[in-house]
N, C-alpha and C. Protein backbone atom coordinates (compact mmCIF):
# COMPACT_ATOMS: atom_id res chain seq x y z
N UNK A 1 0.85 -1.18 0.00
CA UNK A 1 0.00 0.00 0.00
C UNK A 1 0.89 1.23 0.00
N UNK A 2 0.92 1.92 -1.11
CA UNK A 2 1.71 3.14 -1.19
C UNK A 2 0.78 4.29 -1.55
N UNK A 3 0.82 5.30 -0.70
CA UNK A 3 -0.06 6.45 -0.86
C UNK A 3 0.81 7.68 -0.93
N UNK A 4 0.46 8.59 -1.81
CA UNK A 4 1.17 9.87 -1.87
C UNK A 4 0.87 10.62 -0.58
N UNK A 5 1.92 11.02 0.17
CA UNK A 5 1.67 11.69 1.45
C UNK A 5 0.93 13.02 1.29
N UNK A 6 -0.03 13.22 2.17
CA UNK A 6 -0.74 14.50 2.19
C UNK A 6 -0.19 15.34 3.33
N UNK A 7 -0.78 16.49 3.57
CA UNK A 7 -0.27 17.41 4.60
C UNK A 7 -0.32 16.78 5.99
N UNK A 8 -1.39 16.06 6.30
CA UNK A 8 -1.49 15.41 7.61
C UNK A 8 -0.41 14.34 7.78
N UNK A 9 -0.12 13.59 6.71
CA UNK A 9 0.94 12.58 6.76
C UNK A 9 2.29 13.24 7.02
N UNK A 10 2.57 14.30 6.27
CA UNK A 10 3.85 15.00 6.43
C UNK A 10 3.99 15.59 7.84
N UNK A 11 2.92 16.16 8.36
CA UNK A 11 2.97 16.75 9.71
C UNK A 11 3.24 15.67 10.75
N UNK A 12 2.57 14.53 10.63
CA UNK A 12 2.78 13.42 11.57
C UNK A 12 4.22 12.92 11.50
N UNK A 13 4.71 12.71 10.27
CA UNK A 13 6.09 12.25 10.09
C UNK A 13 7.07 13.26 10.65
N UNK A 14 6.87 14.54 10.36
CA UNK A 14 7.77 15.59 10.85
C UNK A 14 7.77 15.65 12.37
N UNK A 15 6.61 15.47 12.99
CA UNK A 15 6.54 15.43 14.46
C UNK A 15 7.31 14.23 15.01
N UNK A 16 7.20 13.08 14.36
CA UNK A 16 7.93 11.90 14.83
C UNK A 16 9.44 12.11 14.68
N UNK A 17 9.87 12.71 13.57
CA UNK A 17 11.29 12.98 13.37
C UNK A 17 11.79 13.96 14.42
N UNK A 18 11.02 14.99 14.72
CA UNK A 18 11.41 15.96 15.75
C UNK A 18 11.53 15.26 17.10
N UNK A 19 10.62 14.35 17.40
CA UNK A 19 10.67 13.61 18.65
C UNK A 19 11.93 12.74 18.72
N UNK A 20 12.24 12.06 17.64
CA UNK A 20 13.45 11.23 17.60
C UNK A 20 14.70 12.09 17.75
N UNK A 21 14.71 13.22 17.09
CA UNK A 21 15.85 14.14 17.19
C UNK A 21 16.04 14.63 18.61
N UNK A 22 14.94 14.89 19.30
CA UNK A 22 14.98 15.35 20.69
C UNK A 22 15.70 14.33 21.58
N UNK A 23 15.52 13.06 21.31
CA UNK A 23 16.08 12.01 22.16
C UNK A 23 17.39 11.43 21.61
N UNK A 24 17.85 11.92 20.48
CA UNK A 24 19.03 11.35 19.82
C UNK A 24 20.28 11.42 20.69
N UNK A 25 20.42 12.42 21.51
CA UNK A 25 21.60 12.53 22.36
C UNK A 25 21.56 11.63 23.58
N UNK A 26 20.42 11.06 23.88
CA UNK A 26 20.26 10.26 25.09
C UNK A 26 20.20 8.76 24.81
N UNK A 27 19.89 8.41 23.59
CA UNK A 27 19.81 7.00 23.19
C UNK A 27 20.67 6.80 21.95
N UNK A 28 21.30 5.63 21.84
CA UNK A 28 22.07 5.40 20.62
C UNK A 28 21.12 4.93 19.51
N UNK A 29 21.66 4.87 18.30
CA UNK A 29 20.84 4.57 17.12
C UNK A 29 20.16 3.20 17.23
N UNK A 30 20.86 2.21 17.79
CA UNK A 30 20.26 0.88 17.91
C UNK A 30 19.11 0.87 18.90
N UNK A 31 19.25 1.60 20.00
CA UNK A 31 18.16 1.68 20.98
C UNK A 31 16.95 2.36 20.35
N UNK A 32 17.19 3.44 19.61
CA UNK A 32 16.08 4.14 18.97
C UNK A 32 15.40 3.25 17.94
N UNK A 33 16.19 2.49 17.19
CA UNK A 33 15.63 1.56 16.21
C UNK A 33 14.77 0.50 16.89
N UNK A 34 15.27 -0.06 17.98
CA UNK A 34 14.52 -1.09 18.70
C UNK A 34 13.21 -0.54 19.25
N UNK A 35 13.26 0.65 19.84
CA UNK A 35 12.04 1.25 20.40
C UNK A 35 11.05 1.63 19.31
N UNK A 36 11.55 2.14 18.19
CA UNK A 36 10.67 2.47 17.07
C UNK A 36 10.00 1.21 16.52
N UNK A 37 10.76 0.11 16.46
CA UNK A 37 10.19 -1.16 16.00
C UNK A 37 9.09 -1.65 16.94
N UNK A 38 9.29 -1.46 18.25
CA UNK A 38 8.24 -1.83 19.19
C UNK A 38 6.98 -1.00 18.95
N UNK A 39 7.16 0.29 18.68
CA UNK A 39 6.01 1.15 18.39
C UNK A 39 5.29 0.69 17.14
N UNK A 40 6.04 0.30 16.11
CA UNK A 40 5.42 -0.23 14.90
C UNK A 40 4.62 -1.48 15.25
N UNK A 41 5.17 -2.32 16.12
CA UNK A 41 4.44 -3.51 16.55
C UNK A 41 3.11 -3.16 17.21
N UNK A 42 3.14 -2.12 18.03
CA UNK A 42 1.89 -1.66 18.66
C UNK A 42 0.89 -1.20 17.61
N UNK A 43 1.38 -0.44 16.62
CA UNK A 43 0.48 0.06 15.58
C UNK A 43 -0.09 -1.08 14.74
N UNK A 44 0.71 -2.09 14.47
CA UNK A 44 0.21 -3.27 13.74
C UNK A 44 -0.89 -3.95 14.54
N UNK A 45 -0.69 -4.08 15.85
CA UNK A 45 -1.69 -4.73 16.70
C UNK A 45 -3.00 -3.95 16.73
N UNK A 46 -2.94 -2.65 16.53
CA UNK A 46 -4.15 -1.81 16.58
C UNK A 46 -4.95 -1.83 15.28
N UNK A 47 -4.44 -2.48 14.24
CA UNK A 47 -5.15 -2.52 12.97
C UNK A 47 -6.40 -3.40 13.08
N UNK A 48 -7.37 -3.11 12.25
CA UNK A 48 -8.55 -3.96 12.15
C UNK A 48 -8.14 -5.19 11.34
N UNK A 49 -7.95 -6.30 12.02
CA UNK A 49 -7.42 -7.49 11.37
C UNK A 49 -8.42 -8.17 10.44
N UNK A 50 -9.63 -7.65 10.38
CA UNK A 50 -10.57 -8.13 9.35
C UNK A 50 -10.23 -7.49 8.02
N UNK A 51 -9.55 -6.34 8.05
CA UNK A 51 -9.19 -5.60 6.84
C UNK A 51 -7.70 -5.72 6.56
N UNK A 52 -6.88 -5.55 7.59
CA UNK A 52 -5.42 -5.58 7.45
C UNK A 52 -4.91 -6.90 8.01
N UNK A 53 -4.59 -7.81 7.10
CA UNK A 53 -4.05 -9.10 7.52
C UNK A 53 -2.61 -8.91 8.00
N UNK A 54 -2.06 -9.87 8.74
CA UNK A 54 -0.66 -9.76 9.14
C UNK A 54 0.28 -9.58 7.93
N UNK A 55 0.01 -10.31 6.84
CA UNK A 55 0.84 -10.17 5.64
C UNK A 55 0.75 -8.76 5.05
N UNK A 56 -0.45 -8.21 5.00
CA UNK A 56 -0.62 -6.85 4.49
C UNK A 56 0.07 -5.85 5.39
N UNK A 57 -0.06 -6.03 6.69
CA UNK A 57 0.60 -5.12 7.64
C UNK A 57 2.11 -5.13 7.42
N UNK A 58 2.69 -6.32 7.27
CA UNK A 58 4.14 -6.42 7.07
C UNK A 58 4.56 -5.83 5.72
N UNK A 59 3.72 -5.97 4.70
CA UNK A 59 4.02 -5.36 3.41
C UNK A 59 4.03 -3.84 3.53
N UNK A 60 3.06 -3.28 4.25
CA UNK A 60 3.00 -1.83 4.47
C UNK A 60 4.26 -1.36 5.20
N UNK A 61 4.63 -2.09 6.25
CA UNK A 61 5.82 -1.74 7.02
C UNK A 61 7.06 -1.81 6.13
N UNK A 62 7.22 -2.90 5.40
CA UNK A 62 8.40 -3.09 4.55
C UNK A 62 8.52 -1.99 3.50
N UNK A 63 7.45 -1.70 2.81
CA UNK A 63 7.49 -0.68 1.74
C UNK A 63 7.82 0.69 2.32
N UNK A 64 7.27 0.99 3.48
CA UNK A 64 7.51 2.30 4.07
C UNK A 64 8.89 2.41 4.70
N UNK A 65 9.44 1.31 5.18
CA UNK A 65 10.84 1.31 5.63
C UNK A 65 11.74 1.64 4.44
N UNK A 66 11.50 0.99 3.31
CA UNK A 66 12.29 1.25 2.11
C UNK A 66 12.19 2.72 1.69
N UNK A 67 10.97 3.24 1.69
CA UNK A 67 10.77 4.63 1.28
C UNK A 67 11.45 5.59 2.26
N UNK A 68 11.32 5.33 3.56
CA UNK A 68 11.95 6.18 4.55
C UNK A 68 13.47 6.13 4.45
N UNK A 69 13.99 4.94 4.20
CA UNK A 69 15.43 4.77 4.03
C UNK A 69 15.92 5.58 2.83
N UNK A 70 15.21 5.49 1.72
CA UNK A 70 15.58 6.25 0.52
C UNK A 70 15.54 7.76 0.78
N UNK A 71 14.52 8.22 1.49
CA UNK A 71 14.40 9.65 1.80
C UNK A 71 15.54 10.11 2.70
N UNK A 72 15.87 9.32 3.71
CA UNK A 72 16.95 9.69 4.64
C UNK A 72 18.29 9.73 3.92
N UNK A 73 18.55 8.74 3.09
CA UNK A 73 19.82 8.69 2.37
C UNK A 73 19.93 9.85 1.40
N UNK A 74 18.83 10.20 0.74
CA UNK A 74 18.85 11.31 -0.22
C UNK A 74 19.19 12.64 0.46
N UNK A 75 18.87 12.77 1.74
CA UNK A 75 19.14 14.01 2.47
C UNK A 75 20.53 14.06 3.09
N UNK A 76 21.25 12.94 3.06
CA UNK A 76 22.57 12.86 3.71
C UNK A 76 23.64 13.48 2.83
N UNK A 77 24.52 14.26 3.45
CA UNK A 77 25.69 14.72 2.69
C UNK A 77 26.60 13.53 2.41
N UNK A 78 27.26 13.51 1.26
CA UNK A 78 28.10 12.37 0.91
C UNK A 78 27.33 11.09 0.92
N UNK A 79 26.20 11.06 0.23
CA UNK A 79 25.22 9.98 0.33
C UNK A 79 25.61 8.67 -0.34
N UNK A 80 26.88 8.46 -0.58
CA UNK A 80 27.31 7.19 -1.17
C UNK A 80 27.14 6.02 -0.22
N UNK A 81 27.13 6.31 1.08
CA UNK A 81 27.02 5.22 2.07
C UNK A 81 26.16 5.69 3.23
N UNK A 82 25.37 4.78 3.75
CA UNK A 82 24.55 5.10 4.91
C UNK A 82 25.19 4.57 6.17
N UNK A 83 24.45 4.60 7.25
CA UNK A 83 24.94 4.10 8.53
C UNK A 83 24.47 2.68 8.81
N UNK A 84 23.64 2.14 7.96
CA UNK A 84 23.13 0.79 8.20
C UNK A 84 23.51 -0.14 7.08
């Protein structure tokens, strides 16, 4: 499921990035990744499983991880290599 982000999507994403940035000095990247993954797990559990099957949920997560990774790398200076 890939949707062109609207203003509400961008605002939500920007708020989450600001929140992660706020805590970046207190947690290392692996801790932040682990905690973010737990949050994704919570969001998957909150889906209406009559509509969003586990396979569909994982496809949504996978596609959006790829998209987020591409966006982050595109914004990096010297973007030939990432941190992961």
